[in-house]
Amino acid sequence: MQGHEPGRDQDGDWYTTHGFRSCFRTWAEERTNSKWEVRELSLAHMVGSKIERSYSRTKLIDLQRKLKNQWAQFCVPPAGETVRVFPANARRA
């Protein structure tokens, strides 16, 4: 899949990748104690002003790795479990 083109899953429901990055950002904000800078760098956003970036050479790789591993565990269910992702237009109880 390229860009944000929608597709259909095995049940025929529509899906799209649009919003996946914002889901990560919201999850990281609400469910982890990661620093703002780590969350932003994990999304490949620039952090700080041009002057601040010229002095800050770190990309906080180890902290990004920890956060992204937490995200992977959140996204992938334990073996044998099924996670149902509802389409955007689905009604929820």
PDB file of N, CA and C in Angstrom:
ATOM      1  N   MET A   1       0.844  -1.174   0.000  1.00  0.00           N
ATOM      2  CA  MET A   1       0.000   0.000   0.000  1.00  0.00           C
ATOM      3  C   MET A   1       0.890   1.238   0.000  1.00  0.00           C
ATOM      4  N   GLN A   2       0.580   2.163  -0.844  1.00  0.00           N
ATOM      5  CA  GLN A   2       1.350   3.391  -0.893  1.00  0.00           C
ATOM      6  C   GLN A   2       0.470   4.548  -0.443  1.00  0.00           C
ATOM      7  N   GLY A   3       1.073   5.496   0.248  1.00  0.00           N
ATOM      8  CA  GLY A   3       0.330   6.673   0.685  1.00  0.00           C
ATOM      9  C   GLY A   3      -0.803   6.309   1.623  1.00  0.00           C
ATOM     10  N   HIS A   4      -1.964   6.897   1.369  1.00  0.00           N
ATOM     11  CA  HIS A   4      -3.116   6.666   2.229  1.00  0.00           C
ATOM     12  C   HIS A   4      -4.254   6.002   1.471  1.00  0.00           C
ATOM     13  N   GLU A   5      -3.942   5.228   0.427  1.00  0.00           N
ATOM     14  CA  GLU A   5      -5.012   4.593  -0.318  1.00  0.00           C
ATOM     15  C   GLU A   5      -5.706   3.559   0.555  1.00  0.00           C
ATOM     16  N   PRO A   6      -7.023   3.582   0.584  1.00  0.00           N
ATOM     17  CA  PRO A   6      -7.740   2.590   1.376  1.00  0.00           C
ATOM     18  C   PRO A   6      -7.731   1.236   0.690  1.00  0.00           C
ATOM     19  N   GLY A   7      -8.026   0.213   1.444  1.00  0.00           N
ATOM     20  CA  GLY A   7      -8.156  -1.141   0.928  1.00  0.00           C
ATOM     21  C   GLY A   7      -9.226  -1.859   1.722  1.00  0.00           C
ATOM     22  N   ARG A   8      -9.378  -3.141   1.474  1.00  0.00           N
ATOM     23  CA  ARG A   8     -10.357  -3.929   2.218  1.00  0.00           C
ATOM     24  C   ARG A   8      -9.652  -5.082   2.924  1.00  0.00           C
ATOM     25  N   ASP A   9     -10.116  -5.391   4.136  1.00  0.00           N
ATOM     26  CA  ASP A   9      -9.547  -6.522   4.860  1.00  0.00           C
ATOM     27  C   ASP A   9     -10.256  -7.808   4.431  1.00  0.00           C
ATOM     28  N   GLN A  10      -9.933  -8.907   5.085  1.00  0.00           N
ATOM     29  CA  GLN A  10     -10.487 -10.206   4.684  1.00  0.00           C
ATOM     30  C   GLN A  10     -12.001 -10.293   4.863  1.00  0.00           C
ATOM     31  N   ASP A  11     -12.577  -9.433   5.718  1.00  0.00           N
ATOM     32  CA  ASP A  11     -14.028  -9.406   5.908  1.00  0.00           C
ATOM     33  C   ASP A  11     -14.717  -8.420   4.980  1.00  0.00           C
ATOM     34  N   GLY A  12     -13.927  -7.721   4.161  1.00  0.00           N
ATOM     35  CA  GLY A  12     -14.501  -6.749   3.239  1.00  0.00           C
ATOM     36  C   GLY A  12     -14.651  -5.357   3.808  1.00  0.00           C
ATOM     37  N   ASP A  13     -14.185  -5.147   5.056  1.00  0.00           N
ATOM     38  CA  ASP A  13     -14.263  -3.817   5.662  1.00  0.00           C
ATOM     39  C   ASP A  13     -13.138  -2.936   5.129  1.00  0.00           C
ATOM     40  N   TRP A  14     -13.428  -1.663   4.970  1.00  0.00           N
ATOM     41  CA  TRP A  14     -12.422  -0.712   4.480  1.00  0.00           C
ATOM     42  C   TRP A  14     -11.415  -0.385   5.561  1.00  0.00           C
ATOM     43  N   TYR A  15     -10.170  -0.149   5.167  1.00  0.00           N
ATOM     44  CA  TYR A  15      -9.140   0.317   6.076  1.00  0.00           C
ATOM     45  C   TYR A  15      -8.245   1.305   5.330  1.00  0.00           C
ATOM     46  N   THR A  16      -7.501   2.081   6.072  1.00  0.00           N
ATOM     47  CA  THR A  16      -6.542   3.016   5.503  1.00  0.00           C
ATOM     48  C   THR A  16      -5.440   3.253   6.526  1.00  0.00           C
ATOM     49  N   THR A  17      -4.283   3.674   6.069  1.00  0.00           N
ATOM     50  CA  THR A  17      -3.186   3.957   6.991  1.00  0.00           C
ATOM     51  C   THR A  17      -3.282   5.377   7.548  1.00  0.00           C
ATOM     52  N   HIS A  18      -4.169   6.192   7.010  1.00  0.00           N
ATOM     53  CA  HIS A  18      -4.295   7.570   7.460  1.00  0.00           C
ATOM     54  C   HIS A  18      -4.609   7.589   8.950  1.00  0.00           C
ATOM     55  N   GLY A  19      -3.867   8.378   9.688  1.00  0.00           N
ATOM     56  CA  GLY A  19      -4.101   8.507  11.118  1.00  0.00           C
ATOM     57  C   GLY A  19      -3.245   7.596  11.984  1.00  0.00           C
ATOM     58  N   PHE A  20      -2.477   6.708  11.370  1.00  0.00           N
ATOM     59  CA  PHE A  20      -1.672   5.777  12.160  1.00  0.00           C
ATOM     60  C   PHE A  20      -0.629   6.518  12.995  1.00  0.00           C
ATOM     61  N   ARG A  21      -0.002   7.538  12.412  1.00  0.00           N
ATOM     62  CA  ARG A  21       0.995   8.314  13.155  1.00  0.00           C
ATOM     63  C   ARG A  21       0.354   9.070  14.313  1.00  0.00           C
ATOM     64  N   SER A  22      -0.829   9.628  14.081  1.00  0.00           N
ATOM     65  CA  SER A  22      -1.495  10.344  15.169  1.00  0.00           C
ATOM     66  C   SER A  22      -1.955   9.379  16.255  1.00  0.00           C
ATOM     67  N   CYS A  23      -2.308   8.149  15.875  1.00  0.00           N
ATOM     68  CA  CYS A  23      -2.648   7.126  16.881  1.00  0.00           C
ATOM     69  C   CYS A  23      -1.445   6.851  17.772  1.00  0.00           C
ATOM     70  N   PHE A  24      -0.274   6.696  17.137  1.00  0.00           N
ATOM     71  CA  PHE A  24       0.947   6.478  17.911  1.00  0.00           C
ATOM     72  C   PHE A  24       1.178   7.634  18.874  1.00  0.00           C
ATOM     73  N   ARG A  25       1.059   8.842  18.372  1.00  0.00           N
ATOM     74  CA  ARG A  25       1.349  10.032  19.186  1.00  0.00           C
ATOM     75  C   ARG A  25       0.396  10.141  20.371  1.00  0.00           C
ATOM     76  N   THR A  26      -0.885   9.880  20.124  1.00  0.00           N
ATOM     77  CA  THR A  26      -1.880   9.935  21.197  1.00  0.00           C
ATOM     78  C   THR A  26      -1.632   8.832  22.215  1.00  0.00           C
ATOM     79  N   TRP A  27      -1.385   7.617  21.724  1.00  0.00           N
ATOM     80  CA  TRP A  27      -1.088   6.501  22.622  1.00  0.00           C
ATOM     81  C   TRP A  27       0.134   6.819  23.490  1.00  0.00           C
ATOM     82  N   ALA A  28       1.203   7.301  22.877  1.00  0.00           N
ATOM     83  CA  ALA A  28       2.433   7.598  23.609  1.00  0.00           C
ATOM     84  C   ALA A  28       2.208   8.672  24.670  1.00  0.00           C
ATOM     85  N   GLU A  29       1.389   9.648  24.337  1.00  0.00           N
ATOM     86  CA  GLU A  29       1.084  10.737  25.278  1.00  0.00           C
ATOM     87  C   GLU A  29       0.274  10.220  26.466  1.00  0.00           C
ATOM     88  N   GLU A  30      -0.717   9.391  26.185  1.00  0.00           N
ATOM     89  CA  GLU A  30      -1.656   8.969  27.218  1.00  0.00           C
ATOM     90  C   GLU A  30      -1.226   7.729  27.991  1.00  0.00           C
ATOM     91  N   ARG A  31      -0.430   6.851  27.369  1.00  0.00           N
ATOM     92  CA  ARG A  31      -0.165   5.551  27.978  1.00  0.00           C
ATOM     93  C   ARG A  31       1.282   5.313  28.392  1.00  0.00           C
ATOM     94  N   THR A  32       2.171   6.263  28.120  1.00  0.00           N
ATOM     95  CA  THR A  32       3.572   6.061  28.493  1.00  0.00           C
ATOM     96  C   THR A  32       4.061   7.274  29.276  1.00  0.00           C
ATOM     97  N   ASN A  33       5.219   7.122  29.871  1.00  0.00           N
ATOM     98  CA  ASN A  33       5.842   8.252  30.567  1.00  0.00           C
ATOM     99  C   ASN A  33       7.041   8.767  29.775  1.00  0.00           C
ATOM    100  N   SER A  34       7.007   8.551  28.462  1.00  0.00           N
ATOM    101  CA  SER A  34       8.104   9.009  27.605  1.00  0.00           C
ATOM    102  C   SER A  34       8.137  10.528  27.537  1.00  0.00           C
ATOM    103  N   LYS A  35       9.313  11.053  27.285  1.00  0.00           N
ATOM    104  CA  LYS A  35       9.481  12.497  27.155  1.00  0.00           C
ATOM    105  C   LYS A  35       8.900  12.989  25.836  1.00  0.00           C
ATOM    106  N   TRP A  36       8.453  14.229  25.824  1.00  0.00           N
ATOM    107  CA  TRP A  36       7.914  14.854  24.618  1.00  0.00           C
ATOM    108  C   TRP A  36       8.903  14.737  23.468  1.00  0.00           C
ATOM    109  N   GLU A  37      10.174  15.003  23.734  1.00  0.00           N
ATOM    110  CA  GLU A  37      11.200  14.968  22.687  1.00  0.00           C
ATOM    111  C   GLU A  37      11.319  13.579  22.066  1.00  0.00           C
ATOM    112  N   VAL A  38      11.214  12.549  22.880  1.00  0.00           N
ATOM    113  CA  VAL A  38      11.318  11.174  22.381  1.00  0.00           C
ATOM    114  C   VAL A  38      10.125  10.866  21.473  1.00  0.00           C
ATOM    115  N   ARG A  39       8.941  11.283  21.895  1.00  0.00           N
ATOM    116  CA  ARG A  39       7.753  11.058  21.068  1.00  0.00           C
ATOM    117  C   ARG A  39       7.880  11.772  19.726  1.00  0.00           C
ATOM    118  N   GLU A  40       8.330  12.987  19.754  1.00  0.00           N
ATOM    119  CA  GLU A  40       8.461  13.756  18.504  1.00  0.00           C
ATOM    120  C   GLU A  40       9.555  13.185  17.602  1.00  0.00           C
ATOM    121  N   LEU A  41      10.693  12.850  18.172  1.00  0.00           N
ATOM    122  CA  LEU A  41      11.772  12.267  17.372  1.00  0.00           C
ATOM    123  C   LEU A  41      11.367  10.913  16.799  1.00  0.00           C
ATOM    124  N   SER A  42      10.542  10.178  17.518  1.00  0.00           N
ATOM    125  CA  SER A  42      10.063   8.884  17.028  1.00  0.00           C
ATOM    126  C   SER A  42       9.210   9.033  15.780  1.00  0.00           C
ATOM    127  N   LEU A  43       8.617  10.192  15.604  1.00  0.00           N
ATOM    128  CA  LEU A  43       7.826  10.488  14.408  1.00  0.00           C
ATOM    129  C   LEU A  43       8.645  11.246  13.359  1.00  0.00           C
ATOM    130  N   ALA A  44       9.948  11.350  13.595  1.00  0.00           N
ATOM    131  CA  ALA A  44      10.871  12.049  12.687  1.00  0.00           C
ATOM    132  C   ALA A  44      10.541  13.532  12.581  1.00  0.00           C
ATOM    133  N   HIS A  45       9.991  14.113  13.670  1.00  0.00           N
ATOM    134  CA  HIS A  45       9.750  15.552  13.712  1.00  0.00           C
ATOM    135  C   HIS A  45      11.008  16.264  14.201  1.00  0.00           C
ATOM    136  N   MET A  46      11.208  17.483  13.758  1.00  0.00           N
ATOM    137  CA  MET A  46      12.314  18.289  14.267  1.00  0.00           C
ATOM    138  C   MET A  46      11.923  18.823  15.640  1.00  0.00           C
ATOM    139  N   VAL A  47      12.873  18.803  16.548  1.00  0.00           N
ATOM    140  CA  VAL A  47      12.618  19.250  17.916  1.00  0.00           C
ATOM    141  C   VAL A  47      13.501  20.449  18.217  1.00  0.00           C
ATOM    142  N   GLY A  48      12.881  21.515  18.718  1.00  0.00           N
ATOM    143  CA  GLY A  48      13.627  22.712  19.093  1.00  0.00           C
ATOM    144  C   GLY A  48      13.844  23.661  17.927  1.00  0.00           C
ATOM    145  N   SER A  49      14.388  24.808  18.252  1.00  0.00           N
ATOM    146  CA  SER A  49      14.692  25.815  17.235  1.00  0.00           C
ATOM    147  C   SER A  49      15.941  25.394  16.458  1.00  0.00           C
ATOM    148  N   LYS A  50      16.235  26.117  15.416  1.00  0.00           N
ATOM    149  CA  LYS A  50      17.425  25.827  14.613  1.00  0.00           C
ATOM    150  C   LYS A  50      18.683  25.899  15.480  1.00  0.00           C
ATOM    151  N   ILE A  51      18.741  26.871  16.359  1.00  0.00           N
ATOM    152  CA  ILE A  51      19.904  27.017  17.246  1.00  0.00           C
ATOM    153  C   ILE A  51      19.972  25.843  18.223  1.00  0.00           C
ATOM    154  N   GLU A  52      18.833  25.488  18.837  1.00  0.00           N
ATOM    155  CA  GLU A  52      18.820  24.351  19.765  1.00  0.00           C
ATOM    156  C   GLU A  52      19.259  23.064  19.063  1.00  0.00           C
ATOM    157  N   ARG A  53      18.788  22.860  17.844  1.00  0.00           N
ATOM    158  CA  ARG A  53      19.155  21.647  17.102  1.00  0.00           C
ATOM    159  C   ARG A  53      20.640  21.623  16.759  1.00  0.00           C
ATOM    160  N   SER A  54      21.246  22.785  16.579  1.00  0.00           N
ATOM    161  CA  SER A  54      22.670  22.804  16.247  1.00  0.00           C
ATOM    162  C   SER A  54      23.538  22.342  17.423  1.00  0.00           C
ATOM    163  N   TYR A  55      23.031  22.490  18.643  1.00  0.00           N
ATOM    164  CA  TYR A  55      23.776  22.054  19.822  1.00  0.00           C
ATOM    165  C   TYR A  55      23.379  20.656  20.288  1.00  0.00           C
ATOM    166  N   SER A  56      22.177  20.250  19.993  1.00  0.00           N
ATOM    167  CA  SER A  56      21.694  18.939  20.431  1.00  0.00           C
ATOM    168  C   SER A  56      21.913  17.928  19.316  1.00  0.00           C
ATOM    169  N   ARG A  57      22.890  17.087  19.474  1.00  0.00           N
ATOM    170  CA  ARG A  57      23.250  16.113  18.429  1.00  0.00           C
ATOM    171  C   ARG A  57      22.589  14.756  18.633  1.00  0.00           C
ATOM    172  N   THR A  58      21.979  14.530  19.785  1.00  0.00           N
ATOM    173  CA  THR A  58      21.411  13.213  20.068  1.00  0.00           C
ATOM    174  C   THR A  58      20.069  13.028  19.384  1.00  0.00           C
ATOM    175  N   LYS A  59      19.787  11.803  19.029  1.00  0.00           N
ATOM    176  CA  LYS A  59      18.473  11.425  18.505  1.00  0.00           C
ATOM    177  C   LYS A  59      17.734  10.557  19.520  1.00  0.00           C
ATOM    178  N   LEU A  60      18.348  10.368  20.713  1.00  0.00           N
ATOM    179  CA  LEU A  60      17.745   9.591  21.793  1.00  0.00           C
ATOM    180  C   LEU A  60      17.317   8.202  21.306  1.00  0.00           C
ATOM    181  N   ILE A  61      18.204   7.562  20.558  1.00  0.00           N
ATOM    182  CA  ILE A  61      17.908   6.284  19.908  1.00  0.00           C
ATOM    183  C   ILE A  61      17.463   5.209  20.904  1.00  0.00           C
ATOM    184  N   ASP A  62      18.161   5.064  22.016  1.00  0.00           N
ATOM    185  CA  ASP A  62      17.782   4.025  22.983  1.00  0.00           C
ATOM    186  C   ASP A  62      16.386   4.279  23.552  1.00  0.00           C
ATOM    187  N   LEU A  63      16.056   5.539  23.824  1.00  0.00           N
ATOM    188  CA  LEU A  63      14.728   5.862  24.342  1.00  0.00           C
ATOM    189  C   LEU A  63      13.665   5.687  23.261  1.00  0.00           C
ATOM    190  N   GLN A  64      14.003   6.020  22.012  1.00  0.00           N
ATOM    191  CA  GLN A  64      13.070   5.777  20.909  1.00  0.00           C
ATOM    192  C   GLN A  64      12.818   4.282  20.751  1.00  0.00           C
ATOM    193  N   ARG A  65      13.865   3.490  20.830  1.00  0.00           N
ATOM    194  CA  ARG A  65      13.740   2.040  20.698  1.00  0.00           C
ATOM    195  C   ARG A  65      12.801   1.485  21.771  1.00  0.00           C
ATOM    196  N   LYS A  66      12.979   1.933  23.004  1.00  0.00           N
ATOM    197  CA  LYS A  66      12.124   1.481  24.106  1.00  0.00           C
ATOM    198  C   LYS A  66      10.659   1.833  23.825  1.00  0.00           C
ATOM    199  N   LEU A  67      10.412   3.069  23.413  1.00  0.00           N
ATOM    200  CA  LEU A  67       9.053   3.516  23.126  1.00  0.00           C
ATOM    201  C   LEU A  67       8.458   2.734  21.956  1.00  0.00           C
ATOM    202  N   LYS A  68       9.217   2.533  20.912  1.00  0.00           N
ATOM    203  CA  LYS A  68       8.705   1.811  19.745  1.00  0.00           C
ATOM    204  C   LYS A  68       8.469   0.342  20.056  1.00  0.00           C
ATOM    205  N   ASN A  69       9.250  -0.249  20.933  1.00  0.00           N
ATOM    206  CA  ASN A  69       8.992  -1.624  21.364  1.00  0.00           C
ATOM    207  C   ASN A  69       7.700  -1.704  22.172  1.00  0.00           C
ATOM    208  N   GLN A  70       7.436  -0.695  22.997  1.00  0.00           N
ATOM    209  CA  GLN A  70       6.175  -0.648  23.742  1.00  0.00           C
ATOM    210  C   GLN A  70       5.002  -0.543  22.767  1.00  0.00           C
ATOM    211  N   TRP A  71       5.155   0.278  21.740  1.00  0.00           N
ATOM    212  CA  TRP A  71       4.116   0.451  20.722  1.00  0.00           C
ATOM    213  C   TRP A  71       3.863  -0.873  19.997  1.00  0.00           C
ATOM    214  N   ALA A  72       4.923  -1.575  19.661  1.00  0.00           N
ATOM    215  CA  ALA A  72       4.785  -2.863  18.973  1.00  0.00           C
ATOM    216  C   ALA A  72       4.014  -3.849  19.840  1.00  0.00           C
ATOM    217  N   GLN A  73       4.317  -3.880  21.135  1.00  0.00           N
ATOM    218  CA  GLN A  73       3.598  -4.777  22.045  1.00  0.00           C
ATOM    219  C   GLN A  73       2.131  -4.393  22.149  1.00  0.00           C
ATOM    220  N   PHE A  74       1.852  -3.107  22.110  1.00  0.00           N
ATOM    221  CA  PHE A  74       0.470  -2.632  22.156  1.00  0.00           C
ATOM    222  C   PHE A  74      -0.284  -3.019  20.886  1.00  0.00           C
ATOM    223  N   CYS A  75       0.378  -2.913  19.744  1.00  0.00           N
ATOM    224  CA  CYS A  75      -0.274  -3.164  18.447  1.00  0.00           C
ATOM    225  C   CYS A  75      -0.467  -4.635  18.134  1.00  0.00           C
ATOM    226  N   VAL A  76       0.444  -5.476  18.601  1.00  0.00           N
ATOM    227  CA  VAL A  76       0.396  -6.902  18.262  1.00  0.00           C
ATOM    228  C   VAL A  76      -0.174  -7.665  19.449  1.00  0.00           C
ATOM    229  N   PRO A  77      -1.308  -8.325  19.244  1.00  0.00           N
ATOM    230  CA  PRO A  77      -1.913  -9.050  20.363  1.00  0.00           C
ATOM    231  C   PRO A  77      -1.106 -10.292  20.718  1.00  0.00           C
ATOM    232  N   PRO A  78      -1.249 -10.766  21.952  1.00  0.00           N
ATOM    233  CA  PRO A  78      -0.601 -12.027  22.314  1.00  0.00           C
ATOM    234  C   PRO A  78      -1.090 -13.149  21.394  1.00  0.00           C
ATOM    235  N   ALA A  79      -0.285 -14.166  21.229  1.00  0.00           N
ATOM    236  CA  ALA A  79      -0.638 -15.282  20.352  1.00  0.00           C
ATOM    237  C   ALA A  79      -2.006 -15.840  20.723  1.00  0.00           C
ATOM    238  N   GLY A  80      -2.821 -16.055  19.717  1.00  0.00           N
ATOM    239  CA  GLY A  80      -4.135 -16.633  19.938  1.00  0.00           C
ATOM    240  C   GLY A  80      -5.242 -15.619  20.140  1.00  0.00           C
ATOM    241  N   GLU A  81      -4.906 -14.374  20.370  1.00  0.00           N
ATOM    242  CA  GLU A  81      -5.927 -13.339  20.548  1.00  0.00           C
ATOM    243  C   GLU A  81      -6.150 -12.602  19.240  1.00  0.00           C
ATOM    244  N   THR A  82      -7.360 -12.105  19.047  1.00  0.00           N
ATOM    245  CA  THR A  82      -7.697 -11.332  17.866  1.00  0.00           C
ATOM    246  C   THR A  82      -8.045  -9.923  18.297  1.00  0.00           C
ATOM    247  N   VAL A  83      -7.509  -8.956  17.607  1.00  0.00           N
ATOM    248  CA  VAL A  83      -7.840  -7.559  17.866  1.00  0.00           C
ATOM    249  C   VAL A  83      -8.682  -7.070  16.706  1.00  0.00           C
ATOM    250  N   ARG A  84      -9.865  -6.580  16.984  1.00  0.00           N
ATOM    251  CA  ARG A  84     -10.767  -6.075  15.953  1.00  0.00           C
ATOM    252  C   ARG A  84     -10.622  -4.561  15.889  1.00  0.00           C
ATOM    253  N   VAL A  85     -10.261  -4.072  14.746  1.00  0.00           N
ATOM    254  CA  VAL A  85     -10.166  -2.629  14.524  1.00  0.00           C
ATOM    255  C   VAL A  85     -11.396  -2.221  13.742  1.00  0.00           C
ATOM    256  N   PHE A  86     -12.202  -1.364  14.323  1.00  0.00           N
ATOM    257  CA  PHE A  86     -13.453  -0.978  13.694  1.00  0.00           C
ATOM    258  C   PHE A  86     -13.236   0.057  12.604  1.00  0.00           C
ATOM    259  N   PRO A  87     -13.974  -0.063  11.512  1.00  0.00           N
ATOM    260  CA  PRO A  87     -13.898   0.958  10.470  1.00  0.00           C
ATOM    261  C   PRO A  87     -14.352   2.309  11.037  1.00  0.00           C
ATOM    262  N   ALA A  88     -13.910   3.373  10.408  1.00  0.00           N
ATOM    263  CA  ALA A  88     -14.204   4.727  10.889  1.00  0.00           C
ATOM    264  C   ALA A  88     -15.713   4.981  10.974  1.00  0.00           C
ATOM    265  N   ASN A  89     -16.494   4.372  10.103  1.00  0.00           N
ATOM    266  CA  ASN A  89     -17.939   4.630  10.087  1.00  0.00           C
ATOM    267  C   ASN A  89     -18.738   3.604  10.888  1.00  0.00           C
ATOM    268  N   ALA A  90     -18.062   2.732  11.639  1.00  0.00           N
ATOM    269  CA  ALA A  90     -18.753   1.689  12.410  1.00  0.00           C
ATOM    270  C   ALA A  90     -19.453   2.285  13.621  1.00  0.00           C
ATOM    271  N   ARG A  91     -20.596   1.749  13.935  1.00  0.00           N
ATOM    272  CA  ARG A  91     -21.312   2.176  15.147  1.00  0.00           C
ATOM    273  C   ARG A  91     -20.799   1.360  16.310  1.00  0.00           C
ATOM    274  N   ARG A  92     -20.587   2.021  17.423  1.00  0.00           N
ATOM    275  CA  ARG A  92     -20.106   1.343  18.618  1.00  0.00           C
ATOM    276  C   ARG A  92     -21.126   1.478  19.722  1.00  0.00           C
ATOM    277  N   ALA A  93     -21.247   0.436  20.516  1.00  0.00           N
ATOM    278  CA  ALA A  93     -22.231   0.440  21.621  1.00  0.00           C
ATOM    279  C   ALA A  93     -21.792   1.374  22.723  1.00  0.00           C
TER     280      ALA A  93
END
